[in-house]
Amino acid sequence: MDRVDHQQIIVQDLVNLSKNKELKLNPWYQRRSVWTVPQKSYLINTLFENKPVPSIYIRHSLDIENETSVREVVDGQQRIRAILEYIEDGYPAKHPSYNKKILFSKLNRAQRQHFLLTGLSVGFLLGATDEDVIEIFGRLNSVAKSLNAQEKRNAKFSGEYKQFCLRQAVRRLSLWRNLRIFTANDIARMSEVQFISDLTLNFLNGLSDYSSQKLDKVYEQFDEQFQRASEMESIMEEVFIKIASLKPEVIKDTVFRRQPLFFSLCYVLGSSNRKTALDAIENTAYKIDEILNSDTPVAQRPKDDVEFYNACSASTQRIKQRRIRDNFIKNYLL
C-alpha cells in the first residue's frame, strides 16, 4: 500500500458519490447492513451535535480502462448508509432545535444545508491490495480489551434509554470527581453510566436488586422511545441538586462515598414525596457513618443497627440488602 491520505469531506460529497454510483458500499468482505433505527438515529444526532464520529476508510483506486475512480468502503459502510438513508427520509432523528425526532425534509433550509456541509474524516487507502484491505479491516474491527457488561450494553444499544443515561452521567462528571464516588478508571469503564442506568430503573419500577439482565432488558425496552424521560430527568435533577448542595465531606468523608450506600441515599431522596432539608441529610449521613464505624462490638449493637451493618457488608446489590438500607436511611432522614 502506498499511503493513507486523510481528508475532510462533507456529507454532500457522499450524496454526490452515491448518486453517481462512484461509491462501493458492499465489498465482499463487508458485513451486511445490521444497524437498527435507534443506532442510525444516534449517529445523526451525533452529527447534529457536532460531536466526533470515527473516521471512514475508503480504498481509492483507478479503473484505467474506463478512466474512472473506484471508491470502495473498507470501514464505515453502516455509517454512510445511515446518513444517506436519513437524507432520503428513511427515519427521524433528534435535532437540538426540536423536542421530537424529525425527518430530514422537515428541517428548515438552513438546518438542511448545515447538515449537508457537516465534515467527515476519511482515510483514503491508496495503492492498497486486497491483502492490505483485509488486514486493515480486521484491525479496525478488532477490540483491544474485554468489554464489561456496561460497555457491551453501550455498544449494543443506541436508543433513548442509553442516551438518557449517558446525558445524566456526563452532566454529573464534576460531582463524581469531587465526591470521589467513581475513580478515573471507573469513569473510563462507564461505571457511572451503569450506576445511573440502575438508579433510573429503580425509580421506574420500584426498588429491586441489581441485575445485568434487567438493565439489558430496559435498554432494549426503551430503545425506540423512552416516554418517561422527562419525569426521570426531573427526579435526577432534584436528587443531584440536593447532593451537590451538601458540604462535600458529607459524602466523600463518610460511608456514603461507597457506591452501594450512595445508591441507597440517592434512591431515598428521589423516591420520597417529602421535602428534605439539607441539614437533615447531613445529620443523617454523619449519624449513619458513626453507627457503621462504631467501636461497639457488632453483637452488642441494637438489632436494627446489626441488620444495617450486615446489609452494608455483603451482597450489597441484592434486593434484601437494598431494602434494609432503604428503610434504615428513611427512619433517620424522614
C-alpha atoms as a PDB file:
ATOM      1  CA  MET A   1       0.000   0.000   0.000  1.00  0.00           C
ATOM      2  CA  ASP A   2       1.359   3.414  -0.916  1.00  0.00           C
ATOM      3  CA  ARG A   3      -0.149   5.522   1.864  1.00  0.00           C
ATOM      4  CA  VAL A   4      -3.277   6.633   3.741  1.00  0.00           C
ATOM      5  CA  ASP A   5      -4.417  10.076   2.610  1.00  0.00           C
ATOM      6  CA  HIS A   6      -6.568  11.629   5.339  1.00  0.00           C
ATOM      7  CA  GLN A   7      -9.034  14.210   4.088  1.00  0.00           C
ATOM      8  CA  GLN A   8     -12.103  16.053   5.242  1.00  0.00           C
ATOM      9  CA  ILE A   9     -15.148  15.659   3.041  1.00  0.00           C
ATOM     10  CA  ILE A  10     -18.692  16.855   3.632  1.00  0.00           C
ATOM     11  CA  VAL A  11     -21.951  14.903   3.744  1.00  0.00           C
ATOM     12  CA  GLN A  12     -22.948  16.329   0.362  1.00  0.00           C
ATOM     13  CA  ASP A  13     -19.840  14.710  -1.146  1.00  0.00           C
ATOM     14  CA  LEU A  14     -21.123  11.309  -0.001  1.00  0.00           C
ATOM     15  CA  VAL A  15     -24.503  12.065  -1.525  1.00  0.00           C
ATOM     16  CA  ASN A  16     -22.893  13.013  -4.829  1.00  0.00           C
ATOM     17  CA  LEU A  17     -20.670   9.926  -4.914  1.00  0.00           C
ATOM     18  CA  SER A  18     -23.662   7.710  -4.183  1.00  0.00           C
ATOM     19  CA  LYS A  19     -25.855   9.331  -6.854  1.00  0.00           C
ATOM     20  CA  ASN A  20     -23.090   8.993  -9.409  1.00  0.00           C
ATOM     21  CA  LYS A  21     -22.590   5.322  -8.442  1.00  0.00           C
ATOM     22  CA  GLU A  22     -18.965   6.040  -7.585  1.00  0.00           C
ATOM     23  CA  LEU A  23     -19.153   4.556  -4.070  1.00  0.00           C
ATOM     24  CA  LYS A  24     -18.993   0.811  -3.494  1.00  0.00           C
ATOM     25  CA  LEU A  25     -20.745   0.115  -0.175  1.00  0.00           C
ATOM     26  CA  ASN A  26     -20.819  -3.668  -0.241  1.00  0.00           C
ATOM     27  CA  PRO A  27     -17.393  -5.162  -0.993  1.00  0.00           C
ATOM     28  CA  TRP A  28     -17.237  -8.920  -0.461  1.00  0.00           C
ATOM     29  CA  TYR A  29     -15.531  -8.742   2.961  1.00  0.00           C
ATOM     30  CA  GLN A  30     -18.038  -6.293   4.471  1.00  0.00           C
ATOM     31  CA  ARG A  31     -20.903  -7.258   6.762  1.00  0.00           C
ATOM     32  CA  ARG A  32     -24.447  -6.650   5.610  1.00  0.00           C
ATOM     33  CA  SER A  33     -26.240  -3.588   6.961  1.00  0.00           C
ATOM     34  CA  VAL A  34     -27.263  -4.545  10.516  1.00  0.00           C
ATOM     35  CA  TRP A  35     -27.770  -1.222  12.298  1.00  0.00           C
ATOM     36  CA  THR A  36     -31.102  -0.674  13.996  1.00  0.00           C
ATOM     37  CA  VAL A  37     -33.066   2.566  13.598  1.00  0.00           C
ATOM     38  CA  PRO A  38     -32.009   3.797  17.084  1.00  0.00           C
ATOM     39  CA  GLN A  39     -28.361   3.273  16.149  1.00  0.00           C
ATOM     40  CA  LYS A  40     -28.819   5.194  12.910  1.00  0.00           C
ATOM     41  CA  SER A  41     -30.715   7.966  14.664  1.00  0.00           C
ATOM     42  CA  TYR A  42     -27.990   8.222  17.307  1.00  0.00           C
ATOM     43  CA  LEU A  43     -25.347   8.725  14.623  1.00  0.00           C
ATOM     44  CA  ILE A  44     -27.362  11.538  13.000  1.00  0.00           C
ATOM     45  CA  ASN A  45     -27.893  13.186  16.382  1.00  0.00           C
ATOM     46  CA  THR A  46     -24.140  12.951  16.992  1.00  0.00           C
ATOM     47  CA  LEU A  47     -23.536  14.810  13.728  1.00  0.00           C
ATOM     48  CA  PHE A  48     -26.198  17.403  14.605  1.00  0.00           C
ATOM     49  CA  GLU A  49     -24.450  17.956  17.945  1.00  0.00           C
ATOM     50  CA  ASN A  50     -21.084  18.404  16.188  1.00  0.00           C
ATOM     51  CA  LYS A  51     -19.630  15.529  18.200  1.00  0.00           C
ATOM     52  CA  PRO A  52     -16.848  13.420  16.677  1.00  0.00           C
ATOM     53  CA  VAL A  53     -17.531  10.154  14.876  1.00  0.00           C
ATOM     54  CA  PRO A  54     -14.930   7.573  13.816  1.00  0.00           C
ATOM     55  CA  SER A  55     -13.128   8.069  10.548  1.00  0.00           C
ATOM     56  CA  ILE A  56     -14.352   6.358   7.413  1.00  0.00           C
ATOM     57  CA  TYR A  57     -11.810   4.365   5.392  1.00  0.00           C
ATOM     58  CA  ILE A  58     -12.117   4.047   1.610  1.00  0.00           C
ATOM     59  CA  ARG A  59      -9.852   2.242  -0.834  1.00  0.00           C
ATOM     60  CA  HIS A  60      -9.338   4.655  -3.717  1.00  0.00           C
ATOM     61  CA  SER A  61      -8.099   3.114  -6.933  1.00  0.00           C
ATOM     62  CA  LEU A  62      -8.355   3.773 -10.663  1.00  0.00           C
ATOM     63  CA  ASP A  63     -10.061   1.806 -13.410  1.00  0.00           C
ATOM     64  CA  ILE A  64      -7.537   2.632 -16.134  1.00  0.00           C
ATOM     65  CA  GLU A  65      -9.534   1.107 -18.975  1.00  0.00           C
ATOM     66  CA  ASN A  66     -12.716   3.036 -18.155  1.00  0.00           C
ATOM     67  CA  GLU A  67     -10.829   6.093 -16.876  1.00  0.00           C
ATOM     68  CA  THR A  68     -12.858   6.204 -13.640  1.00  0.00           C
ATOM     69  CA  SER A  69     -12.148   6.318  -9.926  1.00  0.00           C
ATOM     70  CA  VAL A  70     -13.191   3.372  -7.770  1.00  0.00           C
ATOM     71  CA  ARG A  71     -14.032   4.121  -4.136  1.00  0.00           C
ATOM     72  CA  GLU A  72     -14.602   1.020  -2.040  1.00  0.00           C
ATOM     73  CA  VAL A  73     -15.702   1.460   1.580  1.00  0.00           C
ATOM     74  CA  VAL A  74     -13.383  -0.516   3.845  1.00  0.00           C
ATOM     75  CA  ASP A  75     -14.768   0.719   7.170  1.00  0.00           C
ATOM     76  CA  GLY A  76     -17.798   2.933   7.720  1.00  0.00           C
ATOM     77  CA  GLN A  77     -20.354   1.245   5.477  1.00  0.00           C
ATOM     78  CA  GLN A  78     -23.133   1.371   8.064  1.00  0.00           C
ATOM     79  CA  ARG A  79     -22.408   4.987   8.973  1.00  0.00           C
ATOM     80  CA  ILE A  80     -22.599   6.005   5.313  1.00  0.00           C
ATOM     81  CA  ARG A  81     -25.800   4.026   4.762  1.00  0.00           C
ATOM     82  CA  ALA A  82     -27.359   5.650   7.826  1.00  0.00           C
ATOM     83  CA  ILE A  83     -26.501   9.150   6.565  1.00  0.00           C
ATOM     84  CA  LEU A  84     -27.814   8.504   3.061  1.00  0.00           C
ATOM     85  CA  GLU A  85     -30.970   6.877   4.389  1.00  0.00           C
ATOM     86  CA  TYR A  86     -31.669   9.816   6.709  1.00  0.00           C
ATOM     87  CA  ILE A  87     -31.402  12.256   3.806  1.00  0.00           C
ATOM     88  CA  GLU A  88     -33.976  10.117   1.968  1.00  0.00           C
ATOM     89  CA  ASP A  89     -36.362  10.463   4.971  1.00  0.00           C
ATOM     90  CA  GLY A  90     -35.829   6.829   5.917  1.00  0.00           C
ATOM     91  CA  TYR A  91     -36.233   7.585   9.638  1.00  0.00           C
ATOM     92  CA  PRO A  92     -36.361  10.587  12.011  1.00  0.00           C
ATOM     93  CA  ALA A  93     -33.588  11.721  14.344  1.00  0.00           C
ATOM     94  CA  LYS A  94     -33.231  14.145  17.232  1.00  0.00           C
ATOM     95  CA  HIS A  95     -32.169  17.678  16.350  1.00  0.00           C
ATOM     96  CA  PRO A  96     -31.196  20.205  19.069  1.00  0.00           C
ATOM     97  CA  SER A  97     -33.849  22.652  17.850  1.00  0.00           C
ATOM     98  CA  TYR A  98     -36.774  20.231  18.144  1.00  0.00           C
ATOM     99  CA  ASN A  99     -38.402  18.371  21.034  1.00  0.00           C
ATOM    100  CA  LYS A 100     -39.202  15.312  18.936  1.00  0.00           C
ATOM    101  CA  LYS A 101     -37.306  13.349  16.325  1.00  0.00           C
ATOM    102  CA  ILE A 102     -37.580  14.921  12.907  1.00  0.00           C
ATOM    103  CA  LEU A 103     -37.180  13.822   9.303  1.00  0.00           C
ATOM    104  CA  PHE A 104     -34.564  15.478   7.119  1.00  0.00           C
ATOM    105  CA  SER A 105     -37.230  17.008   4.857  1.00  0.00           C
ATOM    106  CA  LYS A 106     -38.857  18.680   7.867  1.00  0.00           C
ATOM    107  CA  LEU A 107     -35.723  20.603   8.793  1.00  0.00           C
ATOM    108  CA  ASN A 108     -35.668  24.185   7.603  1.00  0.00           C
ATOM    109  CA  ARG A 109     -33.437  25.187   4.714  1.00  0.00           C
ATOM    110  CA  ALA A 110     -30.575  26.426   6.901  1.00  0.00           C
ATOM    111  CA  GLN A 111     -30.621  23.259   9.005  1.00  0.00           C
ATOM    112  CA  ARG A 112     -30.564  21.002   5.947  1.00  0.00           C
ATOM    113  CA  GLN A 113     -27.686  22.990   4.489  1.00  0.00           C
ATOM    114  CA  HIS A 114     -25.785  22.834   7.760  1.00  0.00           C
ATOM    115  CA  PHE A 115     -26.156  19.046   7.867  1.00  0.00           C
ATOM    116  CA  LEU A 116     -25.050  18.601   4.257  1.00  0.00           C
ATOM    117  CA  LEU A 117     -21.982  20.729   4.993  1.00  0.00           C
ATOM    118  CA  THR A 118     -21.030  18.631   8.025  1.00  0.00           C
ATOM    119  CA  GLY A 119     -17.440  17.469   7.750  1.00  0.00           C
ATOM    120  CA  LEU A 120     -16.449  13.796   7.879  1.00  0.00           C
ATOM    121  CA  SER A 121     -12.960  12.409   8.333  1.00  0.00           C
ATOM    122  CA  VAL A 122     -11.993   9.978   5.587  1.00  0.00           C
ATOM    123  CA  GLY A 123      -8.823   7.991   5.197  1.00  0.00           C
ATOM    124  CA  PHE A 124      -8.266   7.118   1.542  1.00  0.00           C
ATOM    125  CA  LEU A 125      -6.186   3.959   1.145  1.00  0.00           C
ATOM    126  CA  LEU A 126      -4.033   4.482  -1.936  1.00  0.00           C
ATOM    127  CA  GLY A 127      -2.427   1.578  -3.722  1.00  0.00           C
ATOM    128  CA  ALA A 128      -3.941  -0.952  -1.297  1.00  0.00           C
ATOM    129  CA  THR A 129      -4.094  -4.597  -2.360  1.00  0.00           C
ATOM    130  CA  ASP A 130      -6.854  -6.994  -1.285  1.00  0.00           C
ATOM    131  CA  GLU A 131      -4.447  -8.363   1.328  1.00  0.00           C
ATOM    132  CA  ASP A 132      -3.844  -4.835   2.673  1.00  0.00           C
ATOM    133  CA  VAL A 133      -7.576  -4.148   2.848  1.00  0.00           C
ATOM    134  CA  ILE A 134      -8.399  -7.383   4.684  1.00  0.00           C
ATOM    135  CA  GLU A 135      -5.681  -6.743   7.267  1.00  0.00           C
ATOM    136  CA  ILE A 136      -6.804  -3.144   7.786  1.00  0.00           C
ATOM    137  CA  PHE A 137     -10.468  -4.176   8.015  1.00  0.00           C
ATOM    138  CA  GLY A 138      -9.577  -6.739  10.672  1.00  0.00           C
ATOM    139  CA  ARG A 139      -7.560  -4.241  12.679  1.00  0.00           C
ATOM    140  CA  LEU A 140     -10.270  -1.583  12.562  1.00  0.00           C
ATOM    141  CA  ASN A 141     -12.940  -4.032  13.700  1.00  0.00           C
ATOM    142  CA  SER A 142     -10.978  -5.710  16.492  1.00  0.00           C
ATOM    143  CA  VAL A 143     -11.361  -4.924  20.191  1.00  0.00           C
ATOM    144  CA  ALA A 144      -8.193  -4.455  22.202  1.00  0.00           C
ATOM    145  CA  LYS A 145      -9.762  -5.144  25.608  1.00  0.00           C
ATOM    146  CA  SER A 146     -12.503  -7.256  27.093  1.00  0.00           C
ATOM    147  CA  LEU A 147     -15.663  -5.220  27.474  1.00  0.00           C
ATOM    148  CA  ASN A 148     -17.501  -5.165  30.773  1.00  0.00           C
ATOM    149  CA  ALA A 149     -21.299  -5.510  30.942  1.00  0.00           C
ATOM    150  CA  GLN A 150     -21.991  -1.779  30.635  1.00  0.00           C
ATOM    151  CA  GLU A 151     -19.542  -1.306  27.755  1.00  0.00           C
ATOM    152  CA  LYS A 152     -21.229  -4.176  25.904  1.00  0.00           C
ATOM    153  CA  ARG A 153     -24.633  -2.634  26.644  1.00  0.00           C
ATOM    154  CA  ASN A 154     -23.444   0.725  25.377  1.00  0.00           C
ATOM    155  CA  ALA A 155     -22.091  -0.858  22.197  1.00  0.00           C
ATOM    156  CA  LYS A 156     -25.269  -2.842  21.545  1.00  0.00           C
ATOM    157  CA  PHE A 157     -27.848  -0.103  22.084  1.00  0.00           C
ATOM    158  CA  SER A 158     -28.008   3.450  20.766  1.00  0.00           C
ATOM    159  CA  GLY A 159     -31.555   4.474  21.573  1.00  0.00           C
ATOM    160  CA  GLU A 160     -33.467   6.651  24.001  1.00  0.00           C
ATOM    161  CA  TYR A 161     -32.650   4.936  27.305  1.00  0.00           C
ATOM    162  CA  LYS A 162     -28.952   4.768  26.519  1.00  0.00           C
ATOM    163  CA  GLN A 163     -28.860   8.431  25.511  1.00  0.00           C
ATOM    164  CA  PHE A 164     -30.765   9.454  28.643  1.00  0.00           C
ATOM    165  CA  CYS A 165     -28.358   7.601  30.941  1.00  0.00           C
ATOM    166  CA  LEU A 166     -25.289   8.918  29.138  1.00  0.00           C
ATOM    167  CA  ARG A 167     -26.535  12.515  29.410  1.00  0.00           C
ATOM    168  CA  GLN A 168     -27.354  12.162  33.080  1.00  0.00           C
ATOM    169  CA  ALA A 169     -23.988  10.575  33.874  1.00  0.00           C
ATOM    170  CA  VAL A 170     -21.931  13.108  31.899  1.00  0.00           C
ATOM    171  CA  ARG A 171     -23.837  16.006  33.461  1.00  0.00           C
ATOM    172  CA  ARG A 172     -22.586  14.896  36.905  1.00  0.00           C
ATOM    173  CA  LEU A 173     -18.953  14.311  35.959  1.00  0.00           C
ATOM    174  CA  SER A 174     -17.619  17.020  38.285  1.00  0.00           C
ATOM    175  CA  LEU A 175     -19.780  15.655  41.097  1.00  0.00           C
ATOM    176  CA  TRP A 176     -18.415  12.114  40.706  1.00  0.00           C
ATOM    177  CA  ARG A 177     -14.891  13.507  40.844  1.00  0.00           C
ATOM    178  CA  ASN A 178     -15.416  15.957  43.696  1.00  0.00           C
ATOM    179  CA  LEU A 179     -17.112  13.395  45.908  1.00  0.00           C
ATOM    180  CA  ARG A 180     -14.769  10.573  44.823  1.00  0.00           C
ATOM    181  CA  ILE A 181     -17.679   8.278  44.068  1.00  0.00           C
ATOM    182  CA  PHE A 182     -16.009   6.958  40.916  1.00  0.00           C
ATOM    183  CA  THR A 183     -12.323   6.770  40.094  1.00  0.00           C
ATOM    184  CA  ALA A 184     -10.932   7.865  36.747  1.00  0.00           C
ATOM    185  CA  ASN A 185     -10.766   4.193  35.742  1.00  0.00           C
ATOM    186  CA  ASP A 186     -14.378   3.664  36.852  1.00  0.00           C
ATOM    187  CA  ILE A 187     -15.469   6.506  34.605  1.00  0.00           C
ATOM    188  CA  ALA A 188     -13.342   5.232  31.721  1.00  0.00           C
ATOM    189  CA  ARG A 189     -15.123   1.868  32.034  1.00  0.00           C
ATOM    190  CA  MET A 190     -18.587   3.502  32.266  1.00  0.00           C
ATOM    191  CA  SER A 191     -19.324   2.575  35.899  1.00  0.00           C
ATOM    192  CA  GLU A 192     -21.081   5.891  36.459  1.00  0.00           C
ATOM    193  CA  VAL A 193     -23.334   5.260  33.445  1.00  0.00           C
ATOM    194  CA  GLN A 194     -24.262   1.854  34.839  1.00  0.00           C
ATOM    195  CA  PHE A 195     -24.978   3.496  38.207  1.00  0.00           C
ATOM    196  CA  ILE A 196     -27.373   5.974  36.561  1.00  0.00           C
ATOM    197  CA  SER A 197     -28.935   3.196  34.471  1.00  0.00           C
ATOM    198  CA  ASP A 198     -29.635   1.109  37.558  1.00  0.00           C
ATOM    199  CA  LEU A 199     -30.877   4.076  39.581  1.00  0.00           C
ATOM    200  CA  THR A 200     -33.270   5.065  36.793  1.00  0.00           C
ATOM    201  CA  LEU A 201     -34.550   1.507  36.525  1.00  0.00           C
ATOM    202  CA  ASN A 202     -35.333   1.538  40.245  1.00  0.00           C
ATOM    203  CA  PHE A 203     -37.115   4.870  40.010  1.00  0.00           C
ATOM    204  CA  LEU A 204     -39.180   3.457  37.157  1.00  0.00           C
ATOM    205  CA  ASN A 205     -40.139   0.102  38.668  1.00  0.00           C
ATOM    206  CA  GLY A 206     -39.507   0.392  42.401  1.00  0.00           C
ATOM    207  CA  LEU A 207     -36.620  -0.902  44.461  1.00  0.00           C
ATOM    208  CA  SER A 208     -35.088  -4.088  43.084  1.00  0.00           C
ATOM    209  CA  ASP A 209     -31.790  -5.917  43.174  1.00  0.00           C
ATOM    210  CA  TYR A 210     -29.061  -5.191  40.669  1.00  0.00           C
ATOM    211  CA  SER A 211     -29.284  -7.365  37.582  1.00  0.00           C
ATOM    212  CA  SER A 212     -27.270  -7.016  34.412  1.00  0.00           C
ATOM    213  CA  GLN A 213     -30.042  -8.859  32.577  1.00  0.00           C
ATOM    214  CA  LYS A 214     -32.666  -6.382  33.837  1.00  0.00           C
ATOM    215  CA  LEU A 215     -30.562  -3.489  32.579  1.00  0.00           C
ATOM    216  CA  ASP A 216     -30.211  -5.167  29.194  1.00  0.00           C
ATOM    217  CA  LYS A 217     -33.991  -5.532  29.029  1.00  0.00           C
ATOM    218  CA  VAL A 218     -34.752  -1.922  29.976  1.00  0.00           C
ATOM    219  CA  TYR A 219     -32.220  -0.672  27.410  1.00  0.00           C
ATOM    220  CA  GLU A 220     -33.994  -2.803  24.810  1.00  0.00           C
ATOM    221  CA  GLN A 221     -37.498  -1.889  26.015  1.00  0.00           C
ATOM    222  CA  PHE A 222     -36.841   1.838  25.736  1.00  0.00           C
ATOM    223  CA  ASP A 223     -34.514   1.781  22.765  1.00  0.00           C
ATOM    224  CA  GLU A 224     -37.076   3.235  20.362  1.00  0.00           C
ATOM    225  CA  GLN A 225     -38.921   5.503  22.830  1.00  0.00           C
ATOM    226  CA  PHE A 226     -38.471   6.468  26.471  1.00  0.00           C
ATOM    227  CA  GLN A 227     -41.702   8.266  27.230  1.00  0.00           C
ATOM    228  CA  ARG A 228     -40.930   8.822  30.916  1.00  0.00           C
ATOM    229  CA  ALA A 229     -37.643  10.543  30.202  1.00  0.00           C
ATOM    230  CA  SER A 230     -38.860  13.982  31.338  1.00  0.00           C
ATOM    231  CA  GLU A 231     -40.212  12.543  34.580  1.00  0.00           C
ATOM    232  CA  MET A 232     -36.956  10.719  35.274  1.00  0.00           C
ATOM    233  CA  GLU A 233     -34.915  13.792  34.421  1.00  0.00           C
ATOM    234  CA  SER A 234     -36.871  15.833  36.978  1.00  0.00           C
ATOM    235  CA  ILE A 235     -36.207  13.227  39.662  1.00  0.00           C
ATOM    236  CA  MET A 236     -32.499  13.112  38.815  1.00  0.00           C
ATOM    237  CA  GLU A 237     -32.267  16.908  38.947  1.00  0.00           C
ATOM    238  CA  GLU A 238     -33.934  17.009  42.332  1.00  0.00           C
ATOM    239  CA  VAL A 239     -31.696  14.290  43.754  1.00  0.00           C
ATOM    240  CA  PHE A 240     -28.387  15.599  42.484  1.00  0.00           C
ATOM    241  CA  ILE A 241     -29.106  19.255  43.200  1.00  0.00           C
ATOM    242  CA  LYS A 242     -29.504  18.179  46.836  1.00  0.00           C
ATOM    243  CA  ILE A 243     -26.344  16.072  46.739  1.00  0.00           C
ATOM    244  CA  ALA A 244     -24.338  18.872  45.112  1.00  0.00           C
ATOM    245  CA  SER A 245     -25.619  21.358  47.708  1.00  0.00           C
ATOM    246  CA  LEU A 246     -24.227  19.332  50.615  1.00  0.00           C
ATOM    247  CA  LYS A 247     -20.797  20.027  52.024  1.00  0.00           C
ATOM    248  CA  PRO A 248     -18.520  17.689  50.014  1.00  0.00           C
ATOM    249  CA  GLU A 249     -17.172  15.992  53.142  1.00  0.00           C
ATOM    250  CA  VAL A 250     -20.682  14.771  53.989  1.00  0.00           C
ATOM    251  CA  ILE A 251     -20.264  12.226  51.203  1.00  0.00           C
ATOM    252  CA  LYS A 252     -16.579  11.836  50.494  1.00  0.00           C
ATOM    253  CA  ASP A 253     -15.532  11.554  54.164  1.00  0.00           C
ATOM    254  CA  THR A 254     -18.307   9.164  55.231  1.00  0.00           C
ATOM    255  CA  VAL A 255     -19.507   5.687  54.346  1.00  0.00           C
ATOM    256  CA  PHE A 256     -21.755   7.253  51.706  1.00  0.00           C
ATOM    257  CA  ARG A 257     -18.750   7.527  49.448  1.00  0.00           C
ATOM    258  CA  ARG A 258     -19.216   3.778  48.893  1.00  0.00           C
ATOM    259  CA  GLN A 259     -21.305   3.243  45.783  1.00  0.00           C
ATOM    260  CA  PRO A 260     -23.948   0.885  47.315  1.00  0.00           C
ATOM    261  CA  LEU A 261     -24.697   3.321  50.141  1.00  0.00           C
ATOM    262  CA  PHE A 262     -24.581   6.325  47.824  1.00  0.00           C
ATOM    263  CA  PHE A 263     -27.088   4.486  45.619  1.00  0.00           C
ATOM    264  CA  SER A 264     -29.371   3.957  48.631  1.00  0.00           C
ATOM    265  CA  LEU A 265     -29.173   7.611  49.623  1.00  0.00           C
ATOM    266  CA  CYS A 266     -29.961   8.752  46.078  1.00  0.00           C
ATOM    267  CA  TYR A 267     -32.890   6.358  45.892  1.00  0.00           C
ATOM    268  CA  VAL A 268     -34.357   7.555  49.193  1.00  0.00           C
ATOM    269  CA  LEU A 269     -34.039  11.200  48.127  1.00  0.00           C
ATOM    270  CA  GLY A 270     -35.653  10.509  44.747  1.00  0.00           C
ATOM    271  CA  SER A 271     -38.444   8.206  45.862  1.00  0.00           C
ATOM    272  CA  SER A 272     -39.733  10.255  48.798  1.00  0.00           C
ATOM    273  CA  ASN A 273     -42.561  12.719  48.266  1.00  0.00           C
ATOM    274  CA  ARG A 274     -41.394  14.795  51.216  1.00  0.00           C
ATOM    275  CA  LYS A 275     -39.086  17.773  51.002  1.00  0.00           C
ATOM    276  CA  THR A 276     -35.859  17.069  52.834  1.00  0.00           C
ATOM    277  CA  ALA A 277     -33.752  19.853  54.331  1.00  0.00           C
ATOM    278  CA  LEU A 278     -30.022  19.817  53.638  1.00  0.00           C
ATOM    279  CA  ASP A 279     -29.128  19.857  57.324  1.00  0.00           C
ATOM    280  CA  ALA A 280     -31.304  16.764  57.826  1.00  0.00           C
ATOM    281  CA  ILE A 281     -29.405  14.941  55.070  1.00  0.00           C
ATOM    282  CA  GLU A 282     -26.065  15.981  56.534  1.00  0.00           C
ATOM    283  CA  ASN A 283     -27.030  14.956  60.071  1.00  0.00           C
ATOM    284  CA  THR A 284     -28.300  11.605  58.807  1.00  0.00           C
ATOM    285  CA  ALA A 285     -25.096  10.937  56.859  1.00  0.00           C
ATOM    286  CA  TYR A 286     -22.912  11.648  59.877  1.00  0.00           C
ATOM    287  CA  LYS A 287     -25.135   9.642  62.233  1.00  0.00           C
ATOM    288  CA  ILE A 288     -25.136   6.587  59.965  1.00  0.00           C
ATOM    289  CA  ASP A 289     -21.391   6.892  59.427  1.00  0.00           C
ATOM    290  CA  GLU A 290     -20.966   6.898  63.190  1.00  0.00           C
ATOM    291  CA  ILE A 291     -23.187   3.819  63.552  1.00  0.00           C
ATOM    292  CA  LEU A 292     -21.293   1.791  60.957  1.00  0.00           C
ATOM    293  CA  ASN A 293     -17.887   2.798  62.314  1.00  0.00           C
ATOM    294  CA  SER A 294     -18.826   2.328  65.966  1.00  0.00           C
ATOM    295  CA  ASP A 295     -16.281   0.668  68.276  1.00  0.00           C
ATOM    296  CA  THR A 296     -19.105  -1.263  69.926  1.00  0.00           C
ATOM    297  CA  PRO A 297     -18.879  -4.976  69.030  1.00  0.00           C
ATOM    298  CA  VAL A 298     -21.476  -5.867  66.429  1.00  0.00           C
ATOM    299  CA  ALA A 299     -23.060  -8.483  68.710  1.00  0.00           C
ATOM    300  CA  GLN A 300     -23.775  -5.800  71.309  1.00  0.00           C
ATOM    301  CA  ARG A 301     -25.441  -3.317  68.993  1.00  0.00           C
ATOM    302  CA  PRO A 302     -29.219  -2.824  68.568  1.00  0.00           C
ATOM    303  CA  LYS A 303     -30.895  -5.293  66.196  1.00  0.00           C
ATOM    304  CA  ASP A 304     -31.663  -2.689  63.519  1.00  0.00           C
ATOM    305  CA  ASP A 305     -28.070  -1.449  63.570  1.00  0.00           C
ATOM    306  CA  VAL A 306     -26.776  -5.009  63.178  1.00  0.00           C
ATOM    307  CA  GLU A 307     -29.082  -5.666  60.215  1.00  0.00           C
ATOM    308  CA  PHE A 308     -27.968  -2.425  58.586  1.00  0.00           C
ATOM    309  CA  TYR A 309     -24.313  -3.238  59.254  1.00  0.00           C
ATOM    310  CA  ASN A 310     -24.742  -6.648  57.602  1.00  0.00           C
ATOM    311  CA  ALA A 311     -26.652  -5.119  54.679  1.00  0.00           C
ATOM    312  CA  CYS A 312     -23.675  -2.846  54.032  1.00  0.00           C
ATOM    313  CA  SER A 313     -21.105  -5.620  54.282  1.00  0.00           C
ATOM    314  CA  ALA A 314     -22.071  -8.397  51.880  1.00  0.00           C
ATOM    315  CA  SER A 315     -24.211  -8.918  48.762  1.00  0.00           C
ATOM    316  CA  THR A 316     -24.823  -5.181  48.819  1.00  0.00           C
ATOM    317  CA  GLN A 317     -26.678  -5.091  45.487  1.00  0.00           C
ATOM    318  CA  ARG A 318     -29.349  -7.670  46.351  1.00  0.00           C
ATOM    319  CA  ILE A 319     -32.909  -6.552  46.998  1.00  0.00           C
ATOM    320  CA  LYS A 320     -32.892  -7.723  50.639  1.00  0.00           C
ATOM    321  CA  GLN A 321     -29.870  -5.604  51.495  1.00  0.00           C
ATOM    322  CA  ARG A 322     -31.169  -2.652  49.495  1.00  0.00           C
ATOM    323  CA  ARG A 323     -34.487  -2.733  51.336  1.00  0.00           C
ATOM    324  CA  ILE A 324     -32.794  -2.821  54.721  1.00  0.00           C
ATOM    325  CA  ARG A 325     -30.597   0.150  53.814  1.00  0.00           C
ATOM    326  CA  ASP A 326     -33.553   1.989  52.311  1.00  0.00           C
ATOM    327  CA  ASN A 327     -35.687   1.611  55.466  1.00  0.00           C
ATOM    328  CA  PHE A 328     -32.793   2.418  57.790  1.00  0.00           C
ATOM    329  CA  ILE A 329     -31.912   5.654  55.992  1.00  0.00           C
ATOM    330  CA  LYS A 330     -35.572   6.660  55.795  1.00  0.00           C
ATOM    331  CA  ASN A 331     -36.029   6.166  59.525  1.00  0.00           C
ATOM    332  CA  TYR A 332     -33.272   8.673  60.260  1.00  0.00           C
ATOM    333  CA  LEU A 333     -33.910  11.042  57.378  1.00  0.00           C
ATOM    334  CA  LEU A 334     -37.682  11.203  57.158  1.00  0.00           C
END
